[in-house]
C-alpha atoms as a PDB file:
ATOM      1  CA  MET A   1       0.119   0.122   0.579  1.00  0.00           C
ATOM      2  CA  THR A   2       1.006   3.282  -0.849  1.00  0.00           C
ATOM      3  CA  GLY A   3      -0.076   6.825  -0.637  1.00  0.00           C
ATOM      4  CA  HIS A   4      -0.653   9.298   2.542  1.00  0.00           C
ATOM      5  CA  TRP A   5      -4.110  10.165   4.755  1.00  0.00           C
ATOM      6  CA  THR A   6      -4.516  13.878   6.029  1.00  0.00           C
ATOM      7  CA  GLY A   7      -6.718  14.858   9.190  1.00  0.00           C
ATOM      8  CA  VAL A   8      -8.087  18.472   9.202  1.00  0.00           C
ATOM      9  CA  PHE A   9      -9.401  19.588  12.850  1.00  0.00           C
ATOM     10  CA  THR A  10     -11.984  22.044  12.499  1.00  0.00           C
ATOM     11  CA  HIS A  11     -14.104  23.120  16.224  1.00  0.00           C
ATOM     12  CA  LYS A  12     -18.133  23.537  15.482  1.00  0.00           C
ATOM     13  CA  ASP A  13     -20.724  23.796  18.159  1.00  0.00           C
ATOM     14  CA  GLY A  14     -17.713  23.880  21.340  1.00  0.00           C
ATOM     15  CA  GLN A  15     -17.009  20.045  19.854  1.00  0.00           C
ATOM     16  CA  THR A  16     -13.849  19.256  17.842  1.00  0.00           C
ATOM     17  CA  GLU A  17     -14.385  17.504  14.621  1.00  0.00           C
ATOM     18  CA  ILE A  18     -11.365  15.654  12.270  1.00  0.00           C
ATOM     19  CA  GLU A  19     -12.289  15.561   8.345  1.00  0.00           C
ATOM     20  CA  PHE A  20     -10.155  12.402   7.115  1.00  0.00           C
ATOM     21  CA  THR A  21      -8.543  12.833   3.526  1.00  0.00           C
ATOM     22  CA  GLU A  22      -6.469   9.179   1.652  1.00  0.00           C
ATOM     23  CA  ASN A  23      -4.730   9.298  -1.296  1.00  0.00           C
ATOM     24  CA  VAL A  24      -3.893   5.282  -0.992  1.00  0.00           C
ATOM     25  CA  THR A  25      -3.477   2.762  -3.659  1.00  0.00           C
ATOM     26  CA  ALA A  26      -3.016  -0.930  -3.177  1.00  0.00           C
ATOM     27  CA  LYS A  27       0.473  -2.024  -4.225  1.00  0.00           C
ATOM     28  CA  LYS A  28      -1.438  -5.401  -4.956  1.00  0.00           C
ATOM     29  CA  LEU A  29      -4.632  -6.093  -6.760  1.00  0.00           C
ATOM     30  CA  PHE A  30      -5.951  -9.048  -4.314  1.00  0.00           C
ATOM     31  CA  MET A  31      -5.334  -6.006  -1.615  1.00  0.00           C
ATOM     32  CA  LYS A  32      -7.769  -3.444  -2.355  1.00  0.00           C
ATOM     33  CA  PRO A  33     -10.723  -4.639  -1.205  1.00  0.00           C
ATOM     34  CA  PHE A  34      -8.376  -3.953   2.726  1.00  0.00           C
ATOM     35  CA  VAL A  35      -7.246  -0.793   1.721  1.00  0.00           C
ATOM     36  CA  LYS A  36     -10.641   1.049   3.593  1.00  0.00           C
ATOM     37  CA  GLY A  37     -10.977  -1.369   6.317  1.00  0.00           C
ATOM     38  CA  PHE A  38      -7.054  -0.304   6.627  1.00  0.00           C
ATOM     39  CA  LEU A  39      -7.344   2.736   6.992  1.00  0.00           C
ATOM     40  CA  LYS A  40      -9.927   2.998   9.476  1.00  0.00           C
ATOM     41  CA  LYS A  41      -8.652   0.921  11.296  1.00  0.00           C
ATOM     42  CA  GLN A  42      -5.144   3.214  11.150  1.00  0.00           C
ATOM     43  CA  GLN A  43      -7.663   5.811  11.634  1.00  0.00           C
ATOM     44  CA  GLU A  44      -9.333   4.812  14.565  1.00  0.00           C
ATOM     45  CA  GLN A  45      -6.237   3.845  16.401  1.00  0.00           C
ATOM     46  CA  TYR A  46      -4.179   7.553  15.660  1.00  0.00           C
ATOM     47  CA  LEU A  47      -7.318   9.255  17.615  1.00  0.00           C
ATOM     48  CA  ASN A  48      -7.079   6.634  20.260  1.00  0.00           C
ATOM     49  CA  ASP A  49      -2.858   7.788  20.553  1.00  0.00           C
ATOM     50  CA  LEU A  50      -4.350  11.541  20.178  1.00  0.00           C
ATOM     51  CA  LYS A  51      -6.569  10.935  23.662  1.00  0.00           C
ATOM     52  CA  THR A  52      -4.321   9.517  25.285  1.00  0.00           C
ATOM     53  CA  ALA A  53      -1.663  12.100  24.639  1.00  0.00           C
ATOM     54  CA  LEU A  54      -3.816  14.943  25.658  1.00  0.00           C
ATOM     55  CA  GLU A  55      -5.217  13.242  29.070  1.00  0.00           C
ATOM     56  CA  LYS A  56      -1.459  13.018  29.981  1.00  0.00           C
ATOM     57  CA  ILE A  57      -1.414  17.140  29.799  1.00  0.00           C
END
């Protein structure tokens, strides 16, 4: 898999929202169906890590 994803944080109605934009390509054709699920899992892990880091501040 190659590419990147970007998260844009915005403040709306007293809450923080994040919008992810992906630009990713599977290197192998048979991996293409798994890309979306993999990215979703990676983004969830990113948010969990961010929450943990912010709790320590």
